[in-house]
Full PDB file with SEQRES, HELIX, SHEET, SSBOND, CRYST1, ORIGX, SCALE, CONECT and MASTER records, all heavy atoms in Angstrom:
SEQRES   1 A   40  VAL LEU ALA GLU THR LEU ALA GLU VAL GLU VAL PRO VAL          
SEQRES   2 A   40  VAL ALA ALA GLY GLY ILE GLY THR ALA GLU ARG VAL ASP          
SEQRES   3 A   40  ALA LEU LEU GLY ALA GLY ALA ALA ALA VAL ARG VAL GLY          
SEQRES   4 A   40  THR                                                          
HELIX    1 AA1 LEU A    2  GLU A    8  1                                   7    
HELIX    2 AA2 ALA A   22  GLY A   30  1                                   9    
SHEET    1 AA1 2 VAL A  14  ALA A  16  0                                        
SHEET    2 AA1 2 ALA A  35  ARG A  37  1                                        
CRYST1    1.000    1.000    1.000  90.00  90.00  90.00 P 1           1          
ORIGX1      1.000000  0.000000  0.000000        0.00000                         
ORIGX2      0.000000  1.000000  0.000000        0.00000                         
ORIGX3      0.000000  0.000000  1.000000        0.00000                         
SCALE1      1.000000  0.000000  0.000000        0.00000                         
SCALE2      0.000000  1.000000  0.000000        0.00000                         
SCALE3      0.000000  0.000000  1.000000        0.00000                         
ATOM      1  N   VAL A   1       0.818  -1.210   0.015  1.00  0.00           N  
ATOM      2  CA  VAL A   1       0.009  -0.007   0.007  1.00  0.00           C  
ATOM      3  C   VAL A   1       0.855   1.248  -0.005  1.00  0.00           C  
ATOM      4  O   VAL A   1       0.512   2.276  -0.600  1.00  0.00           O  
ATOM      5  CB  VAL A   1      -0.985   0.002   1.180  1.00  0.00           C  
ATOM      6  CG1 VAL A   1      -0.310   0.227   2.511  1.00  0.00           C  
ATOM      7  CG2 VAL A   1      -2.091   1.032   0.965  1.00  0.00           C  
ATOM      8  N   LEU A   2       2.038   1.206   0.610  1.00  0.00           N  
ATOM      9  CA  LEU A   2       2.944   2.355   0.592  1.00  0.00           C  
ATOM     10  C   LEU A   2       3.400   2.641  -0.811  1.00  0.00           C  
ATOM     11  O   LEU A   2       3.365   3.794  -1.280  1.00  0.00           O  
ATOM     12  CB  LEU A   2       4.138   2.111   1.513  1.00  0.00           C  
ATOM     13  CG  LEU A   2       5.230   3.196   1.482  1.00  0.00           C  
ATOM     14  CD1 LEU A   2       4.693   4.545   1.976  1.00  0.00           C  
ATOM     15  CD2 LEU A   2       6.428   2.768   2.327  1.00  0.00           C  
ATOM     16  N   ALA A   3       3.875   1.612  -1.513  1.00  0.00           N  
ATOM     17  CA  ALA A   3       4.366   1.807  -2.887  1.00  0.00           C  
ATOM     18  C   ALA A   3       3.268   2.360  -3.802  1.00  0.00           C  
ATOM     19  O   ALA A   3       3.500   3.287  -4.585  1.00  0.00           O  
ATOM     20  CB  ALA A   3       4.920   0.498  -3.420  1.00  0.00           C  
ATOM     21  N   GLU A   4       2.095   1.791  -3.670  1.00  0.00           N  
ATOM     22  CA  GLU A   4       0.986   2.258  -4.515  1.00  0.00           C  
ATOM     23  C   GLU A   4       0.552   3.671  -4.165  1.00  0.00           C  
ATOM     24  O   GLU A   4       0.244   4.468  -5.062  1.00  0.00           O  
ATOM     25  CB  GLU A   4      -0.204   1.301  -4.386  1.00  0.00           C  
ATOM     26  CG  GLU A   4       0.075  -0.077  -4.969  1.00  0.00           C  
ATOM     27  CD  GLU A   4      -1.108  -1.025  -4.807  1.00  0.00           C  
ATOM     28  OE1 GLU A   4      -2.168  -0.596  -4.306  1.00  0.00           O  
ATOM     29  OE2 GLU A   4      -0.949  -2.214  -5.193  1.00  0.00           O  
ATOM     30  N   THR A   5       0.599   4.009  -2.897  1.00  0.00           N  
ATOM     31  CA  THR A   5       0.221   5.382  -2.472  1.00  0.00           C  
ATOM     32  C   THR A   5       1.238   6.389  -2.941  1.00  0.00           C  
ATOM     33  O   THR A   5       0.867   7.471  -3.418  1.00  0.00           O  
ATOM     34  CB  THR A   5       0.056   5.403  -0.962  1.00  0.00           C  
ATOM     35  OG1 THR A   5      -0.993   4.500  -0.571  1.00  0.00           O  
ATOM     36  CG2 THR A   5      -0.317   6.800  -0.481  1.00  0.00           C  
ATOM     37  N   LEU A   6       2.526   6.072  -2.818  1.00  0.00           N  
ATOM     38  CA  LEU A   6       3.576   6.990  -3.256  1.00  0.00           C  
ATOM     39  C   LEU A   6       3.450   7.291  -4.746  1.00  0.00           C  
ATOM     40  O   LEU A   6       3.780   8.399  -5.201  1.00  0.00           O  
ATOM     41  CB  LEU A   6       4.935   6.400  -2.947  1.00  0.00           C  
ATOM     42  CG  LEU A   6       5.375   6.417  -1.487  1.00  0.00           C  
ATOM     43  CD1 LEU A   6       6.597   5.553  -1.258  1.00  0.00           C  
ATOM     44  CD2 LEU A   6       5.641   7.855  -1.021  1.00  0.00           C  
ATOM     45  N   ALA A   7       2.972   6.318  -5.505  1.00  0.00           N  
ATOM     46  CA  ALA A   7       2.808   6.509  -6.949  1.00  0.00           C  
ATOM     47  C   ALA A   7       1.574   7.360  -7.307  1.00  0.00           C  
ATOM     48  O   ALA A   7       1.463   7.835  -8.420  1.00  0.00           O  
ATOM     49  CB  ALA A   7       2.696   5.150  -7.632  1.00  0.00           C  
ATOM     50  N   GLU A   8       0.665   7.521  -6.321  1.00  0.00           N  
ATOM     51  CA  GLU A   8      -0.597   8.214  -6.603  1.00  0.00           C  
ATOM     52  C   GLU A   8      -0.666   9.632  -6.110  1.00  0.00           C  
ATOM     53  O   GLU A   8      -1.464  10.436  -6.623  1.00  0.00           O  
ATOM     54  CB  GLU A   8      -1.749   7.417  -5.979  1.00  0.00           C  
ATOM     55  CG  GLU A   8      -2.113   6.143  -6.700  1.00  0.00           C  
ATOM     56  CD  GLU A   8      -2.842   6.418  -8.017  1.00  0.00           C  
ATOM     57  OE1 GLU A   8      -3.411   7.505  -8.169  1.00  0.00           O  
ATOM     58  OE2 GLU A   8      -2.796   5.531  -8.874  1.00  0.00           O  
ATOM     59  N   VAL A   9       0.121  10.015  -5.077  1.00  0.00           N  
ATOM     60  CA  VAL A   9      -0.046  11.347  -4.474  1.00  0.00           C  
ATOM     61  C   VAL A   9       1.304  12.042  -4.428  1.00  0.00           C  
ATOM     62  O   VAL A   9       2.358  11.442  -4.459  1.00  0.00           O  
ATOM     63  CB  VAL A   9      -0.629  11.235  -3.040  1.00  0.00           C  
ATOM     64  CG1 VAL A   9      -1.986  10.530  -3.037  1.00  0.00           C  
ATOM     65  CG2 VAL A   9       0.345  10.535  -2.095  1.00  0.00           C  
ATOM     66  N   GLU A  10       1.224  13.370  -4.326  1.00  0.00           N  
ATOM     67  CA  GLU A  10       2.424  14.201  -4.236  1.00  0.00           C  
ATOM     68  C   GLU A  10       2.645  14.754  -2.861  1.00  0.00           C  
ATOM     69  O   GLU A  10       3.675  15.376  -2.579  1.00  0.00           O  
ATOM     70  CB  GLU A  10       2.356  15.326  -5.277  1.00  0.00           C  
ATOM     71  CG  GLU A  10       2.347  14.787  -6.706  1.00  0.00           C  
ATOM     72  CD  GLU A  10       2.411  15.920  -7.740  1.00  0.00           C  
ATOM     73  OE1 GLU A  10       2.557  17.084  -7.317  1.00  0.00           O  
ATOM     74  OE2 GLU A  10       2.347  15.657  -8.913  1.00  0.00           O  
ATOM     75  N   VAL A  11       1.669  14.573  -1.952  1.00  0.00           N  
ATOM     76  CA  VAL A  11       1.845  15.036  -0.587  1.00  0.00           C  
ATOM     77  C   VAL A  11       2.658  14.002   0.171  1.00  0.00           C  
ATOM     78  O   VAL A  11       2.794  12.839  -0.262  1.00  0.00           O  
ATOM     79  CB  VAL A  11       0.459  15.228   0.116  1.00  0.00           C  
ATOM     80  CG1 VAL A  11      -0.318  16.300  -0.605  1.00  0.00           C  
ATOM     81  CG2 VAL A  11      -0.290  13.910   0.180  1.00  0.00           C  
ATOM     82  N   PRO A  12       3.262  14.353   1.302  1.00  0.00           N  
ATOM     83  CA  PRO A  12       4.027  13.401   2.120  1.00  0.00           C  
ATOM     84  C   PRO A  12       3.181  12.200   2.515  1.00  0.00           C  
ATOM     85  O   PRO A  12       1.981  12.362   2.852  1.00  0.00           O  
ATOM     86  CB  PRO A  12       4.497  14.217   3.312  1.00  0.00           C  
ATOM     87  CG  PRO A  12       4.530  15.612   2.833  1.00  0.00           C  
ATOM     88  CD  PRO A  12       3.386  15.728   1.871  1.00  0.00           C  
ATOM     89  N   VAL A  13       3.811  11.049   2.553  1.00  0.00           N  
ATOM     90  CA  VAL A  13       3.118   9.814   2.919  1.00  0.00           C  
ATOM     91  C   VAL A  13       3.779   9.228   4.161  1.00  0.00           C  
ATOM     92  O   VAL A  13       5.004   8.957   4.160  1.00  0.00           O  
ATOM     93  CB  VAL A  13       3.153   8.790   1.780  1.00  0.00           C  
ATOM     94  CG1 VAL A  13       2.451   7.448   2.220  1.00  0.00           C  
ATOM     95  CG2 VAL A  13       2.497   9.338   0.519  1.00  0.00           C  
ATOM     96  N   VAL A  14       3.025   9.016   5.205  1.00  0.00           N  
ATOM     97  CA  VAL A  14       3.507   8.412   6.440  1.00  0.00           C  
ATOM     98  C   VAL A  14       3.138   6.918   6.397  1.00  0.00           C  
ATOM     99  O   VAL A  14       2.007   6.545   6.053  1.00  0.00           O  
ATOM    100  CB  VAL A  14       2.848   9.063   7.664  1.00  0.00           C  
ATOM    101  CG1 VAL A  14       3.295   8.395   8.961  1.00  0.00           C  
ATOM    102  CG2 VAL A  14       3.165  10.548   7.695  1.00  0.00           C  
ATOM    103  N   ALA A  15       4.073   6.046   6.713  1.00  0.00           N  
ATOM    104  CA  ALA A  15       3.841   4.617   6.706  1.00  0.00           C  
ATOM    105  C   ALA A  15       3.411   4.126   8.091  1.00  0.00           C  
ATOM    106  O   ALA A  15       3.970   4.532   9.091  1.00  0.00           O  
ATOM    107  CB  ALA A  15       5.126   3.872   6.312  1.00  0.00           C  
ATOM    108  N   ALA A  16       2.388   3.272   8.133  1.00  0.00           N  
ATOM    109  CA  ALA A  16       1.868   2.789   9.416  1.00  0.00           C  
ATOM    110  C   ALA A  16       1.513   1.290   9.311  1.00  0.00           C  
ATOM    111  O   ALA A  16       1.028   0.827   8.286  1.00  0.00           O  
ATOM    112  CB  ALA A  16       0.588   3.554   9.785  1.00  0.00           C  
ATOM    113  N   GLY A  17       1.808   0.595  10.401  1.00  0.00           N  
ATOM    114  CA  GLY A  17       1.396  -0.798  10.477  1.00  0.00           C  
ATOM    115  C   GLY A  17       2.568  -1.744  10.726  1.00  0.00           C  
ATOM    116  O   GLY A  17       3.382  -2.018   9.858  1.00  0.00           O  
ATOM    117  N   GLY A  18       2.642  -2.255  11.957  1.00  0.00           N  
ATOM    118  CA  GLY A  18       3.639  -3.263  12.273  1.00  0.00           C  
ATOM    119  C   GLY A  18       5.060  -2.761  12.339  1.00  0.00           C  
ATOM    120  O   GLY A  18       6.005  -3.507  12.068  1.00  0.00           O  
ATOM    121  N   ILE A  19       5.245  -1.510  12.750  1.00  0.00           N  
ATOM    122  CA  ILE A  19       6.602  -0.905  12.785  1.00  0.00           C  
ATOM    123  C   ILE A  19       7.063  -0.837  14.223  1.00  0.00           C  
ATOM    124  O   ILE A  19       6.462  -0.170  15.064  1.00  0.00           O  
ATOM    125  CB  ILE A  19       6.551   0.536  12.189  1.00  0.00           C  
ATOM    126  CG1 ILE A  19       5.979   0.485  10.760  1.00  0.00           C  
ATOM    127  CG2 ILE A  19       7.938   1.161  12.192  1.00  0.00           C  
ATOM    128  CD1 ILE A  19       5.604   1.839  10.190  1.00  0.00           C  
ATOM    129  N   GLY A  20       8.174  -1.567  14.524  1.00  0.00           N  
ATOM    130  CA  GLY A  20       8.608  -1.606  15.900  1.00  0.00           C  
ATOM    131  C   GLY A  20      10.101  -1.560  16.096  1.00  0.00           C  
ATOM    132  O   GLY A  20      10.572  -1.547  17.232  1.00  0.00           O  
ATOM    133  N   THR A  21      10.897  -1.507  15.006  1.00  0.00           N  
ATOM    134  CA  THR A  21      12.333  -1.524  15.124  1.00  0.00           C  
ATOM    135  C   THR A  21      12.991  -0.451  14.263  1.00  0.00           C  
ATOM    136  O   THR A  21      12.359   0.022  13.285  1.00  0.00           O  
ATOM    137  CB  THR A  21      12.915  -2.895  14.669  1.00  0.00           C  
ATOM    138  OG1 THR A  21      12.650  -3.063  13.255  1.00  0.00           O  
ATOM    139  CG2 THR A  21      12.281  -4.037  15.448  1.00  0.00           C  
ATOM    140  N   ALA A  22      14.216  -0.103  14.579  1.00  0.00           N  
ATOM    141  CA  ALA A  22      14.961   0.874  13.798  1.00  0.00           C  
ATOM    142  C   ALA A  22      15.200   0.384  12.372  1.00  0.00           C  
ATOM    143  O   ALA A  22      15.156   1.149  11.427  1.00  0.00           O  
ATOM    144  CB  ALA A  22      16.281   1.181  14.485  1.00  0.00           C  
ATOM    145  N   GLU A  23      15.391  -0.927  12.260  1.00  0.00           N  
ATOM    146  CA  GLU A  23      15.612  -1.504  10.920  1.00  0.00           C  
ATOM    147  C   GLU A  23      14.402  -1.348  10.026  1.00  0.00           C  
ATOM    148  O   GLU A  23      14.494  -1.009   8.835  1.00  0.00           O  
ATOM    149  CB  GLU A  23      15.976  -2.993  11.058  1.00  0.00           C  
ATOM    150  CG  GLU A  23      17.331  -3.239  11.682  1.00  0.00           C  
ATOM    151  CD  GLU A  23      17.372  -3.015  13.178  1.00  0.00           C  
ATOM    152  OE1 GLU A  23      16.271  -3.007  13.806  1.00  0.00           O  
ATOM    153  OE2 GLU A  23      18.468  -2.798  13.719  1.00  0.00           O  
ATOM    154  N   ARG A  24      13.206  -1.539  10.607  1.00  0.00           N  
ATOM    155  CA  ARG A  24      11.987  -1.358   9.822  1.00  0.00           C  
ATOM    156  C   ARG A  24      11.770   0.102   9.486  1.00  0.00           C  
ATOM    157  O   ARG A  24      11.331   0.441   8.386  1.00  0.00           O  
ATOM    158  CB  ARG A  24      10.790  -1.928  10.601  1.00  0.00           C  
ATOM    159  CG  ARG A  24       9.465  -1.918   9.834  1.00  0.00           C  
ATOM    160  CD  ARG A  24       9.539  -2.736   8.580  1.00  0.00           C  
ATOM    161  NE  ARG A  24       8.223  -2.884   7.968  1.00  0.00           N  
ATOM    162  CZ  ARG A  24       8.020  -2.953   6.654  1.00  0.00           C  
ATOM    163  NH1 ARG A  24       9.040  -2.914   5.819  1.00  0.00           N  
ATOM    164  NH2 ARG A  24       6.795  -3.107   6.194  1.00  0.00           N  
ATOM    165  N   VAL A  25      12.049   0.972  10.437  1.00  0.00           N  
ATOM    166  CA  VAL A  25      11.932   2.409  10.163  1.00  0.00           C  
ATOM    167  C   VAL A  25      12.856   2.802   8.990  1.00  0.00           C  
ATOM    168  O   VAL A  25      12.432   3.472   8.052  1.00  0.00           O  
ATOM    169  CB  VAL A  25      12.307   3.229  11.411  1.00  0.00           C  
ATOM    170  CG1 VAL A  25      12.414   4.744  11.059  1.00  0.00           C  
ATOM    171  CG2 VAL A  25      11.258   3.033  12.493  1.00  0.00           C  
ATOM    172  N   ASP A  26      14.082   2.334   9.037  1.00  0.00           N  
ATOM    173  CA  ASP A  26      15.034   2.643   7.964  1.00  0.00           C  
ATOM    174  C   ASP A  26      14.537   2.155   6.618  1.00  0.00           C  
ATOM    175  O   ASP A  26      14.631   2.855   5.586  1.00  0.00           O  
ATOM    176  CB  ASP A  26      16.395   2.021   8.261  1.00  0.00           C  
ATOM    177  CG  ASP A  26      17.116   2.663   9.408  1.00  0.00           C  
ATOM    178  OD1 ASP A  26      16.662   3.733   9.852  1.00  0.00           O  
ATOM    179  OD2 ASP A  26      18.113   2.098   9.874  1.00  0.00           O  
ATOM    180  N   ALA A  27      14.015   0.922   6.588  1.00  0.00           N  
ATOM    181  CA  ALA A  27      13.530   0.348   5.329  1.00  0.00           C  
ATOM    182  C   ALA A  27      12.390   1.152   4.735  1.00  0.00           C  
ATOM    183  O   ALA A  27      12.357   1.392   3.517  1.00  0.00           O  
ATOM    184  CB  ALA A  27      13.115  -1.101   5.568  1.00  0.00           C  
ATOM    185  N   LEU A  28      11.479   1.597   5.577  1.00  0.00           N  
ATOM    186  CA  LEU A  28      10.316   2.345   5.083  1.00  0.00           C  
ATOM    187  C   LEU A  28      10.711   3.753   4.639  1.00  0.00           C  
ATOM    188  O   LEU A  28      10.194   4.235   3.603  1.00  0.00           O  
ATOM    189  CB  LEU A  28       9.234   2.386   6.151  1.00  0.00           C  
ATOM    190  CG  LEU A  28       8.576   1.038   6.436  1.00  0.00           C  
ATOM    191  CD1 LEU A  28       7.798   1.072   7.737  1.00  0.00           C  
ATOM    192  CD2 LEU A  28       7.655   0.644   5.263  1.00  0.00           C  
ATOM    193  N   LEU A  29      11.584   4.388   5.374  1.00  0.00           N  
ATOM    194  CA  LEU A  29      12.071   5.706   4.932  1.00  0.00           C  
ATOM    195  C   LEU A  29      12.816   5.573   3.612  1.00  0.00           C  
ATOM    196  O   LEU A  29      12.699   6.395   2.707  1.00  0.00           O  
ATOM    197  CB  LEU A  29      12.967   6.355   5.983  1.00  0.00           C  
ATOM    198  CG  LEU A  29      12.272   6.680   7.330  1.00  0.00           C  
ATOM    199  CD1 LEU A  29      13.301   7.262   8.297  1.00  0.00           C  
ATOM    200  CD2 LEU A  29      11.093   7.650   7.115  1.00  0.00           C  
ATOM    201  N   GLY A  30      13.574   4.485   3.486  1.00  0.00           N  
ATOM    202  CA  GLY A  30      14.323   4.225   2.261  1.00  0.00           C  
ATOM    203  C   GLY A  30      13.398   3.951   1.078  1.00  0.00           C  
ATOM    204  O   GLY A  30      13.754   4.215  -0.075  1.00  0.00           O  
ATOM    205  N   ALA A  31      12.216   3.412   1.368  1.00  0.00           N  
ATOM    206  CA  ALA A  31      11.240   3.109   0.322  1.00  0.00           C  
ATOM    207  C   ALA A  31      10.433   4.342  -0.113  1.00  0.00           C  
ATOM    208  O   ALA A  31       9.656   4.268  -1.036  1.00  0.00           O  
ATOM    209  CB  ALA A  31      10.288   2.025   0.796  1.00  0.00           C  
ATOM    210  N   GLY A  32      10.648   5.462   0.582  1.00  0.00           N  
ATOM    211  CA  GLY A  32       9.960   6.700   0.185  1.00  0.00           C  
ATOM    212  C   GLY A  32       9.020   7.287   1.178  1.00  0.00           C  
ATOM    213  O   GLY A  32       8.484   8.380   0.949  1.00  0.00           O  
ATOM    214  N   ALA A  33       8.786   6.613   2.314  1.00  0.00           N  
ATOM    215  CA  ALA A  33       7.919   7.194   3.346  1.00  0.00           C  
ATOM    216  C   ALA A  33       8.572   8.456   3.895  1.00  0.00           C  
ATOM    217  O   ALA A  33       9.787   8.505   4.123  1.00  0.00           O  
ATOM    218  CB  ALA A  33       7.661   6.197   4.450  1.00  0.00           C  
ATOM    219  N   ALA A  34       7.773   9.488   4.149  1.00  0.00           N  
ATOM    220  CA  ALA A  34       8.262  10.700   4.737  1.00  0.00           C  
ATOM    221  C   ALA A  34       8.434  10.603   6.251  1.00  0.00           C  
ATOM    222  O   ALA A  34       9.210  11.342   6.847  1.00  0.00           O  
ATOM    223  CB  ALA A  34       7.338  11.871   4.417  1.00  0.00           C  
ATOM    224  N   ALA A  35       7.743   9.629   6.836  1.00  0.00           N  
ATOM    225  CA  ALA A  35       7.801   9.377   8.270  1.00  0.00           C  
ATOM    226  C   ALA A  35       7.104   8.052   8.537  1.00  0.00           C  
ATOM    227  O   ALA A  35       6.547   7.439   7.621  1.00  0.00           O  
ATOM    228  CB  ALA A  35       7.103  10.520   9.058  1.00  0.00           C  
ATOM    229  N   VAL A  36       7.186   7.590   9.782  1.00  0.00           N  
ATOM    230  CA  VAL A  36       6.473   6.357  10.158  1.00  0.00           C  
ATOM    231  C   VAL A  36       5.601   6.644  11.356  1.00  0.00           C  
ATOM    232  O   VAL A  36       5.885   7.516  12.177  1.00  0.00           O  
ATOM    233  CB  VAL A  36       7.454   5.225  10.476  1.00  0.00           C  
ATOM    234  CG1 VAL A  36       8.319   4.875   9.279  1.00  0.00           C  
ATOM    235  CG2 VAL A  36       8.320   5.529  11.690  1.00  0.00           C  
ATOM    236  N   ARG A  37       4.547   5.842  11.463  1.00  0.00           N  
ATOM    237  CA  ARG A  37       3.625   5.935  12.606  1.00  0.00           C  
ATOM    238  C   ARG A  37       3.760   4.655  13.414  1.00  0.00           C  
ATOM    239  O   ARG A  37       3.748   3.556  12.872  1.00  0.00           O  
ATOM    240  CB  ARG A  37       2.189   6.073  12.117  1.00  0.00           C  
ATOM    241  CG  ARG A  37       1.173   5.634  13.116  1.00  0.00           C  
ATOM    242  CD  ARG A  37      -0.224   5.991  12.732  1.00  0.00           C  
ATOM    243  NE  ARG A  37      -0.331   7.449  12.734  1.00  0.00           N  
ATOM    244  CZ  ARG A  37      -1.445   8.100  12.443  1.00  0.00           C  
ATOM    245  NH1 ARG A  37      -2.547   7.432  12.113  1.00  0.00           N  
ATOM    246  NH2 ARG A  37      -1.510   9.397  12.486  1.00  0.00           N  
ATOM    247  N   VAL A  38       3.856   4.822  14.731  1.00  0.00           N  
ATOM    248  CA  VAL A  38       4.076   3.701  15.642  1.00  0.00           C  
ATOM    249  C   VAL A  38       2.994   3.753  16.730  1.00  0.00           C  
ATOM    250  O   VAL A  38       2.768   4.779  17.338  1.00  0.00           O  
ATOM    251  CB  VAL A  38       5.460   3.769  16.271  1.00  0.00           C  
ATOM    252  CG1 VAL A  38       5.670   2.622  17.252  1.00  0.00           C  
ATOM    253  CG2 VAL A  38       6.534   3.727  15.170  1.00  0.00           C  
ATOM    254  N   GLY A  39       2.377   2.581  16.984  1.00  0.00           N  
ATOM    255  CA  GLY A  39       1.373   2.498  18.027  1.00  0.00           C  
ATOM    256  C   GLY A  39       1.717   1.484  19.103  1.00  0.00           C  
ATOM    257  O   GLY A  39       1.865   1.834  20.272  1.00  0.00           O  
ATOM    258  N   THR A  40       1.857   0.238  18.731  1.00  0.00           N  
ATOM    259  CA  THR A  40       1.996  -0.855  19.723  1.00  0.00           C  
ATOM    260  C   THR A  40       3.153  -0.638  20.681  1.00  0.00           C  
ATOM    261  O   THR A  40       3.029  -0.885  21.885  1.00  0.00           O  
ATOM    262  CB  THR A  40       2.092  -2.186  18.999  1.00  0.00           C  
ATOM    263  OG1 THR A  40       0.938  -2.384  18.165  1.00  0.00           O  
ATOM    264  CG2 THR A  40       2.174  -3.349  19.989  1.00  0.00           C  
TER     265      THR A  40                                                      
MASTER        0    0    0    2    2    0    0    6  264    1    0    4          
END                                                                             
C-alpha cells in the first residue's frame, strides 16, 4: 500500500502498520515514506 500510495499522491506519505524496530523504520524511509507511525 505504501508503494501504490507513493505513486498516486504528491503530498508526504506516512507509513503505518507493524513498525517496531529501527531497521523497519530505515527500510520504510528508504522506500519513500516521509515518516512512520508507531502505536503498539
